[in-house]
Protein backbone atom coordinates (compact mmCIF):
# COMPACT_ATOMS: atom_id res chain seq x y z
CA UNK A 1 26.34 -39.78 213.41
CA UNK A 2 23.08 -38.43 212.04
CA UNK A 3 19.93 -40.42 212.77
CA UNK A 4 17.77 -41.62 209.92
CA UNK A 5 15.06 -39.24 211.14
CA UNK A 6 17.51 -36.30 210.94
CA UNK A 7 18.55 -37.27 207.43
CA UNK A 8 14.94 -37.75 206.32
CA UNK A 9 14.04 -34.24 207.50
CA UNK A 10 17.09 -32.71 205.82
CA UNK A 11 16.43 -34.56 202.57
CA UNK A 12 12.78 -33.48 202.56
CA UNK A 13 13.85 -29.83 202.82
CA UNK A 14 16.54 -30.25 200.14
CA UNK A 15 14.04 -31.96 197.83
CA UNK A 16 11.45 -29.20 198.34
CA UNK A 17 14.03 -26.47 197.70
CA UNK A 18 15.36 -28.15 194.56
CA UNK A 19 11.89 -28.82 193.15
CA UNK A 20 10.87 -25.19 193.78
CA UNK A 21 13.90 -23.80 191.92
CA UNK A 22 15.94 -22.99 195.03
CA UNK A 23 18.74 -25.53 194.70
CA UNK A 24 21.38 -22.97 195.65
CA UNK A 25 19.57 -22.27 198.94
CA UNK A 26 19.81 -25.99 199.72
CA UNK A 27 23.50 -25.93 198.75
CA UNK A 28 24.28 -23.00 201.05
CA UNK A 29 22.43 -24.49 204.01
CA UNK A 30 23.37 -28.16 203.81
CA UNK A 31 26.77 -28.49 202.13
CA UNK A 32 30.00 -28.42 204.14
CA UNK A 33 32.93 -26.10 203.53
CA UNK A 34 35.13 -28.98 202.35
CA UNK A 35 32.48 -30.76 200.28
CA UNK A 36 33.65 -32.91 197.38
CA UNK A 37 31.26 -33.31 194.44
CA UNK A 38 31.65 -35.55 191.41
CA UNK A 39 29.71 -36.25 188.21
CA UNK A 40 30.08 -39.87 187.06
CA UNK A 41 33.78 -40.54 186.33
CA UNK A 42 34.68 -36.86 185.88
CA UNK A 43 37.31 -35.40 188.21
CA UNK A 44 35.87 -34.38 191.59
CA UNK A 45 35.45 -30.72 192.50
CA UNK A 46 36.74 -29.96 196.01
CA UNK A 47 35.59 -27.26 198.41
CA UNK A 48 32.36 -25.32 198.81
CA UNK A 49 33.57 -22.27 196.89
CA UNK A 50 34.63 -24.25 193.80
CA UNK A 51 31.41 -26.29 193.90
CA UNK A 52 29.32 -23.13 194.31
CA UNK A 53 30.92 -21.73 191.16
CA UNK A 54 30.32 -25.02 189.32
CA UNK A 55 26.67 -25.14 190.39
CA UNK A 56 26.04 -21.48 189.50
CA UNK A 57 27.61 -22.06 186.08
CA UNK A 58 25.36 -25.08 185.52
CA UNK A 59 22.15 -23.28 186.51
CA UNK A 60 23.04 -20.21 184.44
CA UNK A 61 23.08 -22.43 181.34
CA UNK A 62 19.73 -24.15 181.90
CA UNK A 63 17.58 -22.53 179.23
CA UNK A 64 14.41 -24.53 179.87
CA UNK A 65 13.40 -26.56 182.89
CA UNK A 66 10.59 -29.02 182.24
CA UNK A 67 10.54 -31.48 185.13
CA UNK A 68 12.25 -33.02 188.12
CA UNK A 69 10.97 -35.78 190.35
CA UNK A 70 12.32 -37.93 193.16
CA UNK A 71 11.61 -41.54 192.22
CA UNK A 72 13.17 -43.29 195.23
CA UNK A 73 15.24 -42.52 198.30
CA UNK A 74 17.11 -44.66 200.83
CA UNK A 75 18.75 -43.69 204.09
CA UNK A 76 21.75 -45.36 205.67
CA UNK A 77 24.39 -44.54 208.24
CA UNK A 78 25.31 -40.92 207.36
CA UNK A 79 24.31 -41.54 203.73
CA UNK A 80 21.35 -40.67 201.51
CA UNK A 81 20.89 -42.32 198.14
CA UNK A 82 18.24 -40.78 195.91
CA UNK A 83 17.03 -41.45 192.38
CA UNK A 84 15.85 -38.43 190.39
CA UNK A 85 14.24 -37.95 187.01
CA UNK A 86 15.28 -34.68 185.33
CA UNK A 87 14.21 -33.05 182.08
CA UNK A 88 15.76 -29.75 180.98
CA UNK A 89 17.59 -28.00 178.16
CA UNK A 90 21.16 -26.83 178.71
CA UNK A 91 22.84 -24.19 176.53
CA UNK A 92 25.89 -26.43 175.91
CA UNK A 93 24.48 -29.96 176.16
CA UNK A 94 21.05 -29.54 174.55
CA UNK A 95 18.02 -31.49 175.74
CA UNK A 96 18.75 -33.63 178.81
CA UNK A 97 16.20 -36.20 179.95
CA UNK A 98 17.44 -38.95 182.24
CA UNK A 99 17.36 -40.67 185.59
CA UNK A 100 20.26 -40.01 187.91
CA UNK A 101 21.32 -41.31 191.28
CA UNK A 102 22.83 -39.07 193.94
CA UNK A 103 24.88 -40.55 196.77
CA UNK A 104 25.40 -38.07 199.61
CA UNK A 105 27.69 -38.71 202.57
CA UNK A 106 26.94 -36.60 205.65
CA UNK A 107 28.99 -35.46 208.65
CA UNK A 108 27.99 -33.03 211.40
CA UNK A 109 24.71 -32.15 209.66
CA UNK A 110 26.32 -31.28 206.30
CA UNK A 111 26.93 -33.02 203.00
CA UNK A 112 30.67 -33.71 202.79
CA UNK A 113 30.65 -35.80 199.60
CA UNK A 114 28.15 -36.13 196.76
CA UNK A 115 28.46 -38.15 193.59
CA UNK A 116 25.99 -38.28 190.71
CA UNK A 117 25.60 -41.36 188.49
CA UNK A 118 23.74 -41.21 185.16
CA UNK A 119 24.00 -42.34 181.55
CA UNK A 120 25.91 -39.81 179.48
């Protein structure tokens, strides 16, 4: 089990990487090989390779990035819950401006499950 201090340090690095445009570096370092990721009620994507492809596809279609901010974060037993504000333009979805919540479950120092909740 990760301590809250361990999770706080890991989240701080992830946050700094994401906010500096290096989200894929955070993904490579902190996500497990069998990670499961899910957007709202959409089907989950399983495995690091499939999620890497999904993430790279997403970032390749961001045509303008205006802002991202962490509004709140909470740490539990092997879980991090964070609220983010994001503002960007996506080639397929158009202008996206919303708050989203990420729930990460951790095991052995890696994210093994992450789900995003936001209005769509």
